Amino acid sequence: QNTTPHITGVPIVGDVTAAATYAATHAIDTVVVTSSDEIT
């Protein structure tokens, strides 16, 4: 359908750098960070 990719029904909205911007513009209360080598 050429739509936004999802993980178990949750839309993927970008990479780590997009988290703060998305939180500010979509009334996000919490950002949960899991393990990743890229998150130093």
Full PDB file with SEQRES, HELIX, SHEET, SSBOND, CRYST1, ORIGX, SCALE, CONECT and MASTER records, all heavy atoms in Angstrom:
SEQRES   1 A   40  GLN ASN THR THR PRO HIS ILE THR GLY VAL PRO ILE VAL          
SEQRES   2 A   40  GLY ASP VAL THR ALA ALA ALA THR TYR ALA ALA THR HIS          
SEQRES   3 A   40  ALA ILE ASP THR VAL VAL VAL THR SER SER ASP GLU ILE          
SEQRES   4 A   40  THR                                                          
HELIX    1 AA1 VAL A   16  ALA A   18  5                                   3    
HELIX    2 AA2 ALA A   19  THR A   25  1                                   7    
SHEET    1 AA1 2 HIS A   6  ILE A   7  0                                        
SHEET    2 AA1 2 VAL A  10  PRO A  11 -1                                        
CRYST1    1.000    1.000    1.000  90.00  90.00  90.00 P 1           1          
ORIGX1      1.000000  0.000000  0.000000        0.00000                         
ORIGX2      0.000000  1.000000  0.000000        0.00000                         
ORIGX3      0.000000  0.000000  1.000000        0.00000                         
SCALE1      1.000000  0.000000  0.000000        0.00000                         
SCALE2      0.000000  1.000000  0.000000        0.00000                         
SCALE3      0.000000  0.000000  1.000000        0.00000                         
ATOM      1  N   GLN A   1       0.809  -1.213   0.000  1.00  0.00           N  
ATOM      2  CA  GLN A   1       0.000   0.000   0.000  1.00  0.00           C  
ATOM      3  C   GLN A   1       0.850   1.275   0.000  1.00  0.00           C  
ATOM      4  O   GLN A   1       0.312   2.370   0.045  1.00  0.00           O  
ATOM      5  CB  GLN A   1      -0.910  -0.012   1.236  1.00  0.00           C  
ATOM      6  CG  GLN A   1      -1.863  -1.203   1.259  1.00  0.00           C  
ATOM      7  CD  GLN A   1      -2.678  -1.239   2.549  1.00  0.00           C  
ATOM      8  OE1 GLN A   1      -2.676  -0.286   3.315  1.00  0.00           O  
ATOM      9  NE2 GLN A   1      -3.369  -2.349   2.773  1.00  0.00           N  
ATOM     10  N   ASN A   2       2.194   1.085   0.003  1.00  0.00           N  
ATOM     11  CA  ASN A   2       3.114   2.232  -0.013  1.00  0.00           C  
ATOM     12  C   ASN A   2       2.830   3.176   1.165  1.00  0.00           C  
ATOM     13  O   ASN A   2       2.713   4.391   1.003  1.00  0.00           O  
ATOM     14  CB  ASN A   2       2.999   2.994  -1.343  1.00  0.00           C  
ATOM     15  CG  ASN A   2       4.153   3.992  -1.511  1.00  0.00           C  
ATOM     16  OD1 ASN A   2       5.242   3.795  -0.948  1.00  0.00           O  
ATOM     17  ND2 ASN A   2       3.916   5.044  -2.269  1.00  0.00           N  
ATOM     18  N   THR A   3       2.685   2.600   2.336  1.00  0.00           N  
ATOM     19  CA  THR A   3       2.391   3.392   3.528  1.00  0.00           C  
ATOM     20  C   THR A   3       3.582   3.370   4.467  1.00  0.00           C  
ATOM     21  O   THR A   3       4.597   2.748   4.197  1.00  0.00           O  
ATOM     22  CB  THR A   3       1.147   2.841   4.243  1.00  0.00           C  
ATOM     23  OG1 THR A   3       1.394   1.466   4.601  1.00  0.00           O  
ATOM     24  CG2 THR A   3      -0.076   2.922   3.354  1.00  0.00           C  
ATOM     25  N   THR A   4       3.440   4.061   5.598  1.00  0.00           N  
ATOM     26  CA  THR A   4       4.497   4.110   6.584  1.00  0.00           C  
ATOM     27  C   THR A   4       4.792   2.714   7.120  1.00  0.00           C  
ATOM     28  O   THR A   4       3.872   1.976   7.455  1.00  0.00           O  
ATOM     29  CB  THR A   4       4.079   5.017   7.763  1.00  0.00           C  
ATOM     30  OG1 THR A   4       3.764   6.300   7.250  1.00  0.00           O  
ATOM     31  CG2 THR A   4       5.196   5.118   8.783  1.00  0.00           C  
ATOM     32  N   PRO A   5       6.071   2.321   7.209  1.00  0.00           N  
ATOM     33  CA  PRO A   5       6.388   0.997   7.762  1.00  0.00           C  
ATOM     34  C   PRO A   5       5.988   0.918   9.234  1.00  0.00           C  
ATOM     35  O   PRO A   5       6.000   1.915   9.951  1.00  0.00           O  
ATOM     36  CB  PRO A   5       7.907   0.898   7.594  1.00  0.00           C  
ATOM     37  CG  PRO A   5       8.381   2.307   7.490  1.00  0.00           C  
ATOM     38  CD  PRO A   5       7.281   3.066   6.818  1.00  0.00           C  
ATOM     39  N   HIS A   6       5.656  -0.287   9.666  1.00  0.00           N  
ATOM     40  CA  HIS A   6       5.199  -0.520  11.033  1.00  0.00           C  
ATOM     41  C   HIS A   6       5.979  -1.655  11.675  1.00  0.00           C  
ATOM     42  O   HIS A   6       6.524  -2.526  10.989  1.00  0.00           O  
ATOM     43  CB  HIS A   6       3.706  -0.867  11.074  1.00  0.00           C  
ATOM     44  CG  HIS A   6       2.807   0.287  10.791  1.00  0.00           C  
ATOM     45  ND1 HIS A   6       2.773   0.934   9.569  1.00  0.00           N  
ATOM     46  CD2 HIS A   6       1.890   0.919  11.589  1.00  0.00           C  
ATOM     47  CE1 HIS A   6       1.882   1.912   9.616  1.00  0.00           C  
ATOM     48  NE2 HIS A   6       1.329   1.922  10.824  1.00  0.00           N  
ATOM     49  N   ILE A   7       6.027  -1.643  12.998  1.00  0.00           N  
ATOM     50  CA  ILE A   7       6.502  -2.771  13.795  1.00  0.00           C  
ATOM     51  C   ILE A   7       5.363  -3.186  14.709  1.00  0.00           C  
ATOM     52  O   ILE A   7       4.946  -2.407  15.566  1.00  0.00           O  
ATOM     53  CB  ILE A   7       7.741  -2.406  14.638  1.00  0.00           C  
ATOM     54  CG1 ILE A   7       8.939  -2.083  13.739  1.00  0.00           C  
ATOM     55  CG2 ILE A   7       8.104  -3.546  15.586  1.00  0.00           C  
ATOM     56  CD1 ILE A   7      10.191  -1.707  14.502  1.00  0.00           C  
ATOM     57  N   THR A   8       4.842  -4.377  14.493  1.00  0.00           N  
ATOM     58  CA  THR A   8       3.694  -4.903  15.250  1.00  0.00           C  
ATOM     59  C   THR A   8       2.587  -3.866  15.391  1.00  0.00           C  
ATOM     60  O   THR A   8       2.034  -3.669  16.477  1.00  0.00           O  
ATOM     61  CB  THR A   8       4.118  -5.412  16.646  1.00  0.00           C  
ATOM     62  OG1 THR A   8       4.612  -4.307  17.408  1.00  0.00           O  
ATOM     63  CG2 THR A   8       5.191  -6.469  16.551  1.00  0.00           C  
ATOM     64  N   GLY A   9       2.270  -3.185  14.293  1.00  0.00           N  
ATOM     65  CA  GLY A   9       1.179  -2.230  14.287  1.00  0.00           C  
ATOM     66  C   GLY A   9       1.533  -0.829  14.718  1.00  0.00           C  
ATOM     67  O   GLY A   9       0.679   0.066  14.676  1.00  0.00           O  
ATOM     68  N   VAL A  10       2.783  -0.587  15.119  1.00  0.00           N  
ATOM     69  CA  VAL A  10       3.214   0.743  15.552  1.00  0.00           C  
ATOM     70  C   VAL A  10       4.013   1.398  14.430  1.00  0.00           C  
ATOM     71  O   VAL A  10       4.978   0.803  13.926  1.00  0.00           O  
ATOM     72  CB  VAL A  10       4.071   0.658  16.833  1.00  0.00           C  
ATOM     73  CG1 VAL A  10       4.648   2.026  17.193  1.00  0.00           C  
ATOM     74  CG2 VAL A  10       3.240   0.114  17.977  1.00  0.00           C  
ATOM     75  N   PRO A  11       3.666   2.620  13.997  1.00  0.00           N  
ATOM     76  CA  PRO A  11       4.373   3.249  12.877  1.00  0.00           C  
ATOM     77  C   PRO A  11       5.805   3.634  13.234  1.00  0.00           C  
ATOM     78  O   PRO A  11       6.085   4.091  14.342  1.00  0.00           O  
ATOM     79  CB  PRO A  11       3.523   4.493  12.591  1.00  0.00           C  
ATOM     80  CG  PRO A  11       2.835   4.801  13.885  1.00  0.00           C  
ATOM     81  CD  PRO A  11       2.578   3.471  14.526  1.00  0.00           C  
ATOM     82  N   ILE A  12       6.716   3.436  12.281  1.00  0.00           N  
ATOM     83  CA  ILE A  12       8.103   3.880  12.427  1.00  0.00           C  
ATOM     84  C   ILE A  12       8.196   5.291  11.853  1.00  0.00           C  
ATOM     85  O   ILE A  12       7.970   5.505  10.659  1.00  0.00           O  
ATOM     86  CB  ILE A  12       9.070   2.935  11.690  1.00  0.00           C  
ATOM     87  CG1 ILE A  12       8.950   1.522  12.268  1.00  0.00           C  
ATOM     88  CG2 ILE A  12      10.504   3.433  11.800  1.00  0.00           C  
ATOM     89  CD1 ILE A  12       9.751   0.491  11.509  1.00  0.00           C  
ATOM     90  N   VAL A  13       8.535   6.259  12.685  1.00  0.00           N  
ATOM     91  CA  VAL A  13       8.474   7.666  12.279  1.00  0.00           C  
ATOM     92  C   VAL A  13       9.850   8.280  12.043  1.00  0.00           C  
ATOM     93  O   VAL A  13       9.949   9.473  11.779  1.00  0.00           O  
ATOM     94  CB  VAL A  13       7.721   8.491  13.342  1.00  0.00           C  
ATOM     95  CG1 VAL A  13       6.279   8.022  13.452  1.00  0.00           C  
ATOM     96  CG2 VAL A  13       8.413   8.414  14.709  1.00  0.00           C  
ATOM     97  N   GLY A  14      10.912   7.474  12.123  1.00  0.00           N  
ATOM     98  CA  GLY A  14      12.242   8.008  11.860  1.00  0.00           C  
ATOM     99  C   GLY A  14      13.294   7.284  12.662  1.00  0.00           C  
ATOM    100  O   GLY A  14      13.063   6.198  13.192  1.00  0.00           O  
ATOM    101  N   ASP A  15      14.492   7.906  12.727  1.00  0.00           N  
ATOM    102  CA  ASP A  15      15.576   7.322  13.501  1.00  0.00           C  
ATOM    103  C   ASP A  15      15.679   8.025  14.855  1.00  0.00           C  
ATOM    104  O   ASP A  15      14.781   8.761  15.260  1.00  0.00           O  
ATOM    105  CB  ASP A  15      16.890   7.408  12.731  1.00  0.00           C  
ATOM    106  CG  ASP A  15      17.225   8.846  12.337  1.00  0.00           C  
ATOM    107  OD1 ASP A  15      16.596   9.777  12.867  1.00  0.00           O  
ATOM    108  OD2 ASP A  15      18.125   9.034  11.502  1.00  0.00           O  
ATOM    109  N   VAL A  16      16.796   7.819  15.543  1.00  0.00           N  
ATOM    110  CA  VAL A  16      16.951   8.375  16.888  1.00  0.00           C  
ATOM    111  C   VAL A  16      16.855   9.894  16.879  1.00  0.00           C  
ATOM    112  O   VAL A  16      16.272  10.503  17.791  1.00  0.00           O  
ATOM    113  CB  VAL A  16      18.300   7.939  17.481  1.00  0.00           C  
ATOM    114  CG1 VAL A  16      18.482   8.517  18.876  1.00  0.00           C  
ATOM    115  CG2 VAL A  16      18.391   6.421  17.537  1.00  0.00           C  
ATOM    116  N   THR A  17      17.403  10.519  15.844  1.00  0.00           N  
ATOM    117  CA  THR A  17      17.416  11.984  15.803  1.00  0.00           C  
ATOM    118  C   THR A  17      16.021  12.571  15.667  1.00  0.00           C  
ATOM    119  O   THR A  17      15.817  13.751  15.960  1.00  0.00           O  
ATOM    120  CB  THR A  17      18.286  12.465  14.633  1.00  0.00           C  
ATOM    121  OG1 THR A  17      17.740  11.957  13.397  1.00  0.00           O  
ATOM    122  CG2 THR A  17      19.724  11.960  14.781  1.00  0.00           C  
ATOM    123  N   ALA A  18      15.052  11.756  15.236  1.00  0.00           N  
ATOM    124  CA  ALA A  18      13.688  12.264  15.047  1.00  0.00           C  
ATOM    125  C   ALA A  18      12.845  12.145  16.309  1.00  0.00           C  
ATOM    126  O   ALA A  18      11.729  12.673  16.359  1.00  0.00           O  
ATOM    127  CB  ALA A  18      13.005  11.509  13.906  1.00  0.00           C  
ATOM    128  N   ALA A  19      13.351  11.468  17.343  1.00  0.00           N  
ATOM    129  CA  ALA A  19      12.534  11.184  18.528  1.00  0.00           C  
ATOM    130  C   ALA A  19      12.117  12.454  19.254  1.00  0.00           C  
ATOM    131  O   ALA A  19      10.934  12.622  19.595  1.00  0.00           O  
ATOM    132  CB  ALA A  19      13.298  10.259  19.471  1.00  0.00           C  
ATOM    133  N   ALA A  20      13.065  13.359  19.502  1.00  0.00           N  
ATOM    134  CA  ALA A  20      12.744  14.569  20.262  1.00  0.00           C  
ATOM    135  C   ALA A  20      11.765  15.454  19.497  1.00  0.00           C  
ATOM    136  O   ALA A  20      10.824  16.008  20.075  1.00  0.00           O  
ATOM    137  CB  ALA A  20      14.020  15.333  20.586  1.00  0.00           C  
ATOM    138  N   THR A  21      11.968  15.594  18.186  1.00  0.00           N  
ATOM    139  CA  THR A  21      11.071  16.420  17.378  1.00  0.00           C  
ATOM    140  C   THR A  21       9.662  15.847  17.353  1.00  0.00           C  
ATOM    141  O   THR A  21       8.668  16.566  17.499  1.00  0.00           O  
ATOM    142  CB  THR A  21      11.609  16.538  15.947  1.00  0.00           C  
ATOM    143  OG1 THR A  21      12.921  17.088  15.983  1.00  0.00           O  
ATOM    144  CG2 THR A  21      10.713  17.424  15.107  1.00  0.00           C  
ATOM    145  N   TYR A  22       9.577  14.527  17.182  1.00  0.00           N  
ATOM    146  CA  TYR A  22       8.257  13.890  17.159  1.00  0.00           C  
ATOM    147  C   TYR A  22       7.562  14.032  18.511  1.00  0.00           C  
ATOM    148  O   TYR A  22       6.358  14.283  18.581  1.00  0.00           O  
ATOM    149  CB  TYR A  22       8.399  12.411  16.793  1.00  0.00           C  
ATOM    150  CG  TYR A  22       7.089  11.726  16.528  1.00  0.00           C  
ATOM    151  CD1 TYR A  22       6.524  11.711  15.255  1.00  0.00           C  
ATOM    152  CD2 TYR A  22       6.389  11.090  17.558  1.00  0.00           C  
ATOM    153  CE1 TYR A  22       5.307  11.085  15.017  1.00  0.00           C  
ATOM    154  CE2 TYR A  22       5.173  10.462  17.328  1.00  0.00           C  
ATOM    155  CZ  TYR A  22       4.634  10.468  16.053  1.00  0.00           C  
ATOM    156  OH  TYR A  22       3.428   9.854  15.823  1.00  0.00           O  
ATOM    157  N   ALA A  23       8.319  13.899  19.594  1.00  0.00           N  
ATOM    158  CA  ALA A  23       7.748  14.039  20.932  1.00  0.00           C  
ATOM    159  C   ALA A  23       7.179  15.434  21.150  1.00  0.00           C  
ATOM    160  O   ALA A  23       6.135  15.610  21.762  1.00  0.00           O  
ATOM    161  CB  ALA A  23       8.801  13.713  21.990  1.00  0.00           C  
ATOM    162  N   ALA A  24       7.876  16.433  20.619  1.00  0.00           N  
ATOM    163  CA  ALA A  24       7.432  17.822  20.817  1.00  0.00           C  
ATOM    164  C   ALA A  24       6.185  18.154  20.022  1.00  0.00           C  
ATOM    165  O   ALA A  24       5.358  18.956  20.451  1.00  0.00           O  
ATOM    166  CB  ALA A  24       8.563  18.776  20.430  1.00  0.00           C  
ATOM    167  N   THR A  25       6.022  17.532  18.870  1.00  0.00           N  
ATOM    168  CA  THR A  25       4.912  17.882  17.980  1.00  0.00           C  
ATOM    169  C   THR A  25       3.700  16.962  18.095  1.00  0.00           C  
ATOM    170  O   THR A  25       2.670  17.233  17.488  1.00  0.00           O  
ATOM    171  CB  THR A  25       5.397  17.880  16.513  1.00  0.00           C  
ATOM    172  OG1 THR A  25       5.946  16.585  16.198  1.00  0.00           O  
ATOM    173  CG2 THR A  25       6.446  18.958  16.302  1.00  0.00           C  
ATOM    174  N   HIS A  26       3.813  15.879  18.875  1.00  0.00           N  
ATOM    175  CA  HIS A  26       2.713  14.918  18.952  1.00  0.00           C  
ATOM    176  C   HIS A  26       2.298  14.618  20.403  1.00  0.00           C  
ATOM    177  O   HIS A  26       1.718  13.559  20.684  1.00  0.00           O  
ATOM    178  CB  HIS A  26       3.088  13.605  18.253  1.00  0.00           C  
ATOM    179  CG  HIS A  26       3.187  13.729  16.767  1.00  0.00           C  
ATOM    180  ND1 HIS A  26       4.292  14.295  16.134  1.00  0.00           N  
ATOM    181  CD2 HIS A  26       2.316  13.392  15.777  1.00  0.00           C  
ATOM    182  CE1 HIS A  26       4.098  14.280  14.822  1.00  0.00           C  
ATOM    183  NE2 HIS A  26       2.908  13.732  14.575  1.00  0.00           N  
ATOM    184  N   ALA A  27       2.575  15.519  21.313  1.00  0.00           N  
ATOM    185  CA  ALA A  27       2.141  15.382  22.716  1.00  0.00           C  
ATOM    186  C   ALA A  27       2.570  14.046  23.318  1.00  0.00           C  
ATOM    187  O   ALA A  27       1.776  13.319  23.920  1.00  0.00           O  
ATOM    188  CB  ALA A  27       0.629  15.548  22.818  1.00  0.00           C  
ATOM    189  N   ILE A  28       3.847  13.723  23.145  1.00  0.00           N  
ATOM    190  CA  ILE A  28       4.396  12.490  23.691  1.00  0.00           C  
ATOM    191  C   ILE A  28       4.823  12.716  25.141  1.00  0.00           C  
ATOM    192  O   ILE A  28       5.501  13.699  25.452  1.00  0.00           O  
ATOM    193  CB  ILE A  28       5.587  11.994  22.851  1.00  0.00           C  
ATOM    194  CG1 ILE A  28       5.123  11.657  21.431  1.00  0.00           C  
ATOM    195  CG2 ILE A  28       6.251  10.789  23.504  1.00  0.00           C  
ATOM    196  CD1 ILE A  28       4.092  10.553  21.352  1.00  0.00           C  
ATOM    197  N   ASP A  29       4.436  11.809  26.024  1.00  0.00           N  
ATOM    198  CA  ASP A  29       4.769  11.927  27.446  1.00  0.00           C  
ATOM    199  C   ASP A  29       6.100  11.272  27.796  1.00  0.00           C  
ATOM    200  O   ASP A  29       6.795  11.715  28.711  1.00  0.00           O  
ATOM    201  CB  ASP A  29       3.674  11.281  28.301  1.00  0.00           C  
ATOM    202  CG  ASP A  29       2.303  11.854  28.006  1.00  0.00           C  
ATOM    203  OD1 ASP A  29       2.161  13.081  28.054  1.00  0.00           O  
ATOM    204  OD2 ASP A  29       1.379  11.062  27.717  1.00  0.00           O  
ATOM    205  N   THR A  30       6.445  10.187  27.086  1.00  0.00           N  
ATOM    206  CA  THR A  30       7.608   9.376  27.470  1.00  0.00           C  
ATOM    207  C   THR A  30       8.327   8.879  26.228  1.00  0.00           C  
ATOM    208  O   THR A  30       7.690   8.507  25.237  1.00  0.00           O  
ATOM    209  CB  THR A  30       7.167   8.162  28.315  1.00  0.00           C  
ATOM    210  OG1 THR A  30       6.387   8.613  29.431  1.00  0.00           O  
ATOM    211  CG2 THR A  30       8.368   7.390  28.833  1.00  0.00           C  
ATOM    212  N   VAL A  31       9.650   8.875  26.306  1.00  0.00           N  
ATOM    213  CA  VAL A  31      10.482   8.257  25.267  1.00  0.00           C  
ATOM    214  C   VAL A  31      11.221   7.098  25.915  1.00  0.00           C  
ATOM    215  O   VAL A  31      11.986   7.294  26.870  1.00  0.00           O  
ATOM    216  CB  VAL A  31      11.474   9.254  24.660  1.00  0.00           C  
ATOM    217  CG1 VAL A  31      12.407   8.550  23.682  1.00  0.00           C  
ATOM    218  CG2 VAL A  31      10.733  10.386  23.950  1.00  0.00           C  
ATOM    219  N   VAL A  32      10.988   5.879  25.417  1.00  0.00           N  
ATOM    220  CA  VAL A  32      11.596   4.673  25.981  1.00  0.00           C  
ATOM    221  C   VAL A  32      12.701   4.211  25.050  1.00  0.00           C  
ATOM    222  O   VAL A  32      12.457   3.901  23.879  1.00  0.00           O  
ATOM    223  CB  VAL A  32      10.558   3.554  26.167  1.00  0.00           C  
ATOM    224  CG1 VAL A  32      11.184   2.366  26.880  1.00  0.00           C  
ATOM    225  CG2 VAL A  32       9.352   4.064  26.943  1.00  0.00           C  
ATOM    226  N   VAL A  33      13.931   4.165  25.561  1.00  0.00           N  
ATOM    227  CA  VAL A  33      15.095   3.790  24.758  1.00  0.00           C  
ATOM    228  C   VAL A  33      15.501   2.368  25.096  1.00  0.00           C  
ATOM    229  O   VAL A  33      15.702   2.030  26.273  1.00  0.00           O  
ATOM    230  CB  VAL A  33      16.264   4.751  25.027  1.00  0.00           C  
ATOM    231  CG1 VAL A  33      17.481   4.336  24.204  1.00  0.00           C  
ATOM    232  CG2 VAL A  33      15.865   6.182  24.694  1.00  0.00           C  
ATOM    233  N   THR A  34      15.608   1.516  24.082  1.00  0.00           N  
ATOM    234  CA  THR A  34      16.061   0.138  24.266  1.00  0.00           C  
ATOM    235  C   THR A  34      17.509   0.024  23.809  1.00  0.00           C  
ATOM    236  O   THR A  34      18.112   0.988  23.347  1.00  0.00           O  
ATOM    237  CB  THR A  34      15.178  -0.824  23.468  1.00  0.00           C  
ATOM    238  OG1 THR A  34      15.379  -0.584  22.058  1.00  0.00           O  
ATOM    239  CG2 THR A  34      13.716  -0.629  23.793  1.00  0.00           C  
ATOM    240  N   SER A  35      18.071  -1.175  23.932  1.00  0.00           N  
ATOM    241  CA  SER A  35      19.485  -1.372  23.622  1.00  0.00           C  
ATOM    242  C   SER A  35      19.766  -1.207  22.133  1.00  0.00           C  
ATOM    243  O   SER A  35      18.991  -1.630  21.283  1.00  0.00           O  
ATOM    244  CB  SER A  35      19.921  -2.770  24.071  1.00  0.00           C  
ATOM    245  OG  SER A  35      19.115  -3.757  23.444  1.00  0.00           O  
ATOM    246  N   SER A  36      20.878  -0.566  21.859  1.00  0.00           N  
ATOM    247  CA  SER A  36      21.337  -0.367  20.478  1.00  0.00           C  
ATOM    248  C   SER A  36      22.766   0.157  20.506  1.00  0.00           C  
ATOM    249  O   SER A  36      23.095   1.036  21.309  1.00  0.00           O  
ATOM    250  CB  SER A  36      20.435   0.624  19.730  1.00  0.00           C  
ATOM    251  OG  SER A  36      21.005   0.968  18.485  1.00  0.00           O  
ATOM    252  N   ASP A  37      23.622  -0.376  19.610  1.00  0.00           N  
ATOM    253  CA  ASP A  37      25.005   0.097  19.532  1.00  0.00           C  
ATOM    254  C   ASP A  37      25.074   1.548  19.084  1.00  0.00           C  
ATOM    255  O   ASP A  37      26.037   2.259  19.395  1.00  0.00           O  
ATOM    256  CB  ASP A  37      25.808  -0.775  18.566  1.00  0.00           C  
ATOM    257  CG  ASP A  37      25.998  -2.185  19.083  1.00  0.00           C  
ATOM    258  OD1 ASP A  37      25.851  -2.377  20.320  1.00  0.00           O  
ATOM    259  OD2 ASP A  37      26.271  -3.095  18.288  1.00  0.00           O  
ATOM    260  N   GLU A  38      24.064   1.990  18.347  1.00  0.00           N  
ATOM    261  CA  GLU A  38      24.087   3.354  17.828  1.00  0.00           C  
ATOM    262  C   GLU A  38      23.715   4.393  18.877  1.00  0.00           C  
ATOM    263  O   GLU A  38      23.987   5.576  18.701  1.00  0.00           O  
ATOM    264  CB  GLU A  38      23.127   3.461  16.633  1.00  0.00           C  
ATOM    265  CG  GLU A  38      23.522   2.573  15.455  1.00  0.00           C  
ATOM    266  CD  GLU A  38      22.544   2.686  14.305  1.00  0.00           C  
ATOM    267  OE1 GLU A  38      21.970   3.772  14.119  1.00  0.00           O  
ATOM    268  OE2 GLU A  38      22.327   1.681  13.603  1.00  0.00           O  
ATOM    269  N   ILE A  39      23.092   3.950  19.958  1.00  0.00           N  
ATOM    270  CA  ILE A  39      22.713   4.891  21.017  1.00  0.00           C  
ATOM    271  C   ILE A  39      23.819   4.908  22.058  1.00  0.00           C  
ATOM    272  O   ILE A  39      23.813   4.182  23.051  1.00  0.00           O  
ATOM    273  CB  ILE A  39      21.362   4.498  21.653  1.00  0.00           C  
ATOM    274  CG1 ILE A  39      20.279   4.400  20.581  1.00  0.00           C  
ATOM    275  CG2 ILE A  39      20.939   5.515  22.710  1.00  0.00           C  
ATOM    276  CD1 ILE A  39      18.932   3.969  21.098  1.00  0.00           C  
ATOM    277  N   THR A  40      24.808   5.742  21.819  1.00  0.00           N  
ATOM    278  CA  THR A  40      25.947   5.883  22.710  1.00  0.00           C  
ATOM    279  C   THR A  40      25.567   6.778  23.894  1.00  0.00           C  
ATOM    280  O   THR A  40      24.527   7.442  23.872  1.00  0.00           O  
ATOM    281  CB  THR A  40      27.126   6.508  21.964  1.00  0.00           C  
ATOM    282  OG1 THR A  40      26.749   7.839  21.539  1.00  0.00           O  
ATOM    283  CG2 THR A  40      27.491   5.673  20.737  1.00  0.00           C  
TER     284      THR A  40                                                      
MASTER        0    0    0    2    2    0    0    6  283    1    0    4          
END                                                                             
